[in-house]
Amino acid sequence: DAERTSHPTQKPVEIMERIIRASCPHNGIVLDCFMGSGTTGVAAMQTERQCIGIERDQTYIDIANGRFIRAEIGASL
């Protein structure tokens, strides 16, 4: 799976998109207190929401930042 990262509890983006659409208004803000590899942030970007993420492990922060950059580039194409 191209979206898969090394994070042990990563969720599919599609599931997070469904949860975000059901629980956050369009253009709302999603808070992810355990950001991990950034799946929730990617899903928020793809559903036109903002996201605030908290993560203490620099390895996962780096993975998440890369995913956010790819998601931004994909959204602008």
N, C-alpha and C. Protein backbone atom coordinates (compact mmCIF):
# COMPACT_ATOMS: atom_id res chain seq x y z
N ASP A 1 0.84 -1.18 0.00
CA ASP A 1 0.00 0.00 0.00
C ASP A 1 0.89 1.24 0.00
N ALA A 2 0.69 2.13 -0.96
CA ALA A 2 1.54 3.31 -1.11
C ALA A 2 1.42 4.27 0.06
N GLU A 3 0.30 4.28 0.74
CA GLU A 3 0.06 5.20 1.84
C GLU A 3 0.66 4.70 3.15
N ARG A 4 1.03 3.46 3.23
CA ARG A 4 1.50 2.83 4.48
C ARG A 4 2.84 3.41 4.94
N THR A 5 2.93 3.72 6.24
CA THR A 5 4.17 4.19 6.84
C THR A 5 4.63 3.18 7.88
N SER A 6 5.68 3.50 8.60
CA SER A 6 6.20 2.59 9.62
C SER A 6 5.47 2.70 10.96
N HIS A 7 4.49 3.56 11.07
CA HIS A 7 3.78 3.71 12.35
C HIS A 7 2.93 2.48 12.61
N PRO A 8 3.01 1.90 13.82
CA PRO A 8 2.34 0.62 14.09
C PRO A 8 0.81 0.68 14.16
N THR A 9 0.23 1.86 14.39
CA THR A 9 -1.24 1.92 14.51
C THR A 9 -1.86 2.85 13.48
N GLN A 10 -1.23 2.98 12.33
CA GLN A 10 -1.74 3.87 11.28
C GLN A 10 -3.11 3.42 10.81
N LYS A 11 -4.01 4.39 10.61
CA LYS A 11 -5.36 4.14 10.10
C LYS A 11 -5.41 4.52 8.62
N PRO A 12 -6.33 3.93 7.86
CA PRO A 12 -6.50 4.34 6.46
C PRO A 12 -7.06 5.77 6.37
N VAL A 13 -6.56 6.55 5.43
CA VAL A 13 -7.02 7.93 5.25
C VAL A 13 -8.53 7.97 5.02
N GLU A 14 -9.05 7.03 4.26
CA GLU A 14 -10.48 7.03 3.93
C GLU A 14 -11.35 6.93 5.18
N ILE A 15 -10.94 6.15 6.15
CA ILE A 15 -11.71 6.04 7.40
C ILE A 15 -11.67 7.36 8.15
N MET A 16 -10.50 7.97 8.23
CA MET A 16 -10.38 9.24 8.94
C MET A 16 -11.17 10.34 8.23
N GLU A 17 -11.21 10.31 6.90
CA GLU A 17 -12.02 11.29 6.17
C GLU A 17 -13.49 11.16 6.55
N ARG A 18 -13.99 9.94 6.63
CA ARG A 18 -15.40 9.72 7.01
C ARG A 18 -15.68 10.23 8.41
N ILE A 19 -14.78 9.95 9.34
CA ILE A 19 -14.95 10.41 10.73
C ILE A 19 -14.93 11.94 10.78
N ILE A 20 -14.00 12.55 10.06
CA ILE A 20 -13.89 14.02 10.07
C ILE A 20 -15.13 14.66 9.45
N ARG A 21 -15.59 14.14 8.33
CA ARG A 21 -16.80 14.71 7.70
C ARG A 21 -18.01 14.62 8.64
N ALA A 22 -18.08 13.52 9.41
CA ALA A 22 -19.22 13.31 10.30
C ALA A 22 -19.14 14.14 11.59
N SER A 23 -17.93 14.58 11.96
CA SER A 23 -17.80 15.20 13.28
C SER A 23 -17.22 16.62 13.27
N CYS A 24 -16.87 17.14 12.12
CA CYS A 24 -16.26 18.47 12.05
C CYS A 24 -16.87 19.24 10.88
N PRO A 25 -17.30 20.48 11.11
CA PRO A 25 -17.90 21.24 10.01
C PRO A 25 -16.87 21.59 8.93
N HIS A 26 -17.36 21.81 7.73
CA HIS A 26 -16.52 22.25 6.62
C HIS A 26 -15.75 23.48 7.06
N ASN A 27 -14.45 23.53 6.75
CA ASN A 27 -13.54 24.61 7.16
C ASN A 27 -13.31 24.65 8.67
N GLY A 28 -13.69 23.60 9.39
CA GLY A 28 -13.47 23.53 10.83
C GLY A 28 -12.03 23.15 11.16
N ILE A 29 -11.76 22.95 12.44
CA ILE A 29 -10.43 22.60 12.91
C ILE A 29 -10.49 21.25 13.63
N VAL A 30 -9.59 20.36 13.26
CA VAL A 30 -9.48 19.03 13.87
C VAL A 30 -8.26 19.05 14.80
N LEU A 31 -8.42 18.54 16.02
CA LEU A 31 -7.31 18.42 16.96
C LEU A 31 -6.92 16.96 17.06
N ASP A 32 -5.66 16.65 16.76
CA ASP A 32 -5.14 15.28 16.86
C ASP A 32 -4.02 15.30 17.89
N CYS A 33 -4.34 14.87 19.12
CA CYS A 33 -3.38 14.94 20.23
C CYS A 33 -2.28 13.89 20.15
N PHE A 34 -2.46 12.90 19.32
CA PHE A 34 -1.46 11.84 19.12
C PHE A 34 -1.28 11.65 17.62
N MET A 35 -0.61 12.59 16.97
CA MET A 35 -0.59 12.69 15.51
C MET A 35 0.06 11.51 14.80
N GLY A 36 1.06 10.89 15.40
CA GLY A 36 1.71 9.77 14.73
C GLY A 36 2.24 10.17 13.37
N SER A 37 1.90 9.41 12.36
CA SER A 37 2.42 9.66 11.01
C SER A 37 1.56 10.63 10.20
N GLY A 38 0.56 11.24 10.82
CA GLY A 38 -0.17 12.34 10.18
C GLY A 38 -1.40 11.98 9.37
N THR A 39 -1.92 10.78 9.51
CA THR A 39 -3.09 10.37 8.72
C THR A 39 -4.27 11.32 8.92
N THR A 40 -4.53 11.69 10.16
CA THR A 40 -5.66 12.59 10.43
C THR A 40 -5.44 13.95 9.77
N GLY A 41 -4.21 14.44 9.80
CA GLY A 41 -3.91 15.72 9.15
C GLY A 41 -4.11 15.66 7.65
N VAL A 42 -3.68 14.57 7.03
CA VAL A 42 -3.89 14.39 5.58
C VAL A 42 -5.38 14.34 5.27
N ALA A 43 -6.12 13.58 6.08
CA ALA A 43 -7.57 13.48 5.86
C ALA A 43 -8.24 14.83 6.05
N ALA A 44 -7.79 15.60 7.04
CA ALA A 44 -8.35 16.94 7.25
C ALA A 44 -8.09 17.82 6.03
N MET A 45 -6.88 17.79 5.51
CA MET A 45 -6.55 18.58 4.33
C MET A 45 -7.41 18.18 3.14
N GLN A 46 -7.62 16.88 2.96
CA GLN A 46 -8.38 16.40 1.82
C GLN A 46 -9.87 16.67 1.94
N THR A 47 -10.34 16.98 3.15
CA THR A 47 -11.76 17.29 3.35
C THR A 47 -11.98 18.76 3.68
N GLU A 48 -10.96 19.58 3.38
CA GLU A 48 -11.02 21.03 3.54
C GLU A 48 -11.26 21.47 4.98
N ARG A 49 -10.50 20.85 5.89
CA ARG A 49 -10.47 21.25 7.29
C ARG A 49 -9.03 21.58 7.65
N GLN A 50 -8.86 22.34 8.71
CA GLN A 50 -7.55 22.61 9.28
C GLN A 50 -7.26 21.54 10.32
N CYS A 51 -6.00 21.34 10.66
CA CYS A 51 -5.65 20.33 11.66
C CYS A 51 -4.52 20.84 12.54
N ILE A 52 -4.67 20.62 13.83
CA ILE A 52 -3.60 20.86 14.79
C ILE A 52 -3.18 19.49 15.29
N GLY A 53 -1.90 19.16 15.14
CA GLY A 53 -1.40 17.85 15.55
C GLY A 53 -0.32 17.97 16.60
N ILE A 54 -0.32 17.04 17.55
CA ILE A 54 0.69 16.99 18.60
C ILE A 54 1.38 15.63 18.53
N GLU A 55 2.70 15.64 18.48
CA GLU A 55 3.47 14.40 18.44
C GLU A 55 4.83 14.65 19.08
N ARG A 56 5.32 13.71 19.87
CA ARG A 56 6.61 13.90 20.54
C ARG A 56 7.76 13.18 19.87
N ASP A 57 7.48 12.24 19.00
CA ASP A 57 8.54 11.44 18.36
C ASP A 57 8.94 12.11 17.04
N GLN A 58 10.19 12.58 16.97
CA GLN A 58 10.66 13.31 15.80
C GLN A 58 10.58 12.47 14.53
N THR A 59 10.76 11.17 14.63
CA THR A 59 10.66 10.30 13.46
C THR A 59 9.28 10.41 12.82
N TYR A 60 8.24 10.36 13.64
CA TYR A 60 6.88 10.45 13.12
C TYR A 60 6.53 11.87 12.67
N ILE A 61 7.09 12.87 13.33
CA ILE A 61 6.89 14.25 12.88
C ILE A 61 7.44 14.42 11.47
N ASP A 62 8.63 13.87 11.22
CA ASP A 62 9.23 13.96 9.89
C ASP A 62 8.38 13.24 8.84
N ILE A 63 7.87 12.06 9.20
CA ILE A 63 6.99 11.32 8.27
C ILE A 63 5.74 12.13 7.99
N ALA A 64 5.13 12.66 9.05
CA ALA A 64 3.89 13.44 8.88
C ALA A 64 4.14 14.68 8.01
N ASN A 65 5.22 15.39 8.26
CA ASN A 65 5.51 16.58 7.44
C ASN A 65 5.66 16.23 5.97
N GLY A 66 6.32 15.13 5.67
CA GLY A 66 6.44 14.69 4.28
C GLY A 66 5.08 14.38 3.67
N ARG A 67 4.23 13.73 4.44
CA ARG A 67 2.88 13.41 3.95
C ARG A 67 2.07 14.69 3.72
N PHE A 68 2.22 15.68 4.62
CA PHE A 68 1.49 16.95 4.45
C PHE A 68 1.94 17.67 3.19
N ILE A 69 3.23 17.66 2.93
CA ILE A 69 3.74 18.30 1.71
C ILE A 69 3.18 17.60 0.48
N ARG A 70 3.19 16.28 0.46
CA ARG A 70 2.65 15.54 -0.69
C ARG A 70 1.16 15.80 -0.85
N ALA A 71 0.43 15.89 0.26
CA ALA A 71 -1.01 16.14 0.19
C ALA A 71 -1.28 17.54 -0.36
N GLU A 72 -0.47 18.54 0.04
CA GLU A 72 -0.63 19.90 -0.49
C GLU A 72 -0.34 19.95 -1.97
N ILE A 73 0.70 19.28 -2.40
CA ILE A 73 1.06 19.26 -3.83
C ILE A 73 -0.05 18.59 -4.61
N GLY A 74 -0.55 17.46 -4.12
CA GLY A 74 -1.64 16.74 -4.79
C GLY A 74 -2.90 17.57 -4.89
N ALA A 75 -3.18 18.38 -3.86
CA ALA A 75 -4.39 19.20 -3.86
C ALA A 75 -4.29 20.33 -4.88
N SER A 76 -3.08 20.76 -5.19
CA SER A 76 -2.92 21.89 -6.10
C SER A 76 -2.81 21.48 -7.57
N LEU A 77 -2.75 20.18 -7.84
CA LEU A 77 -2.63 19.73 -9.24
C LEU A 77 -3.96 19.74 -9.95
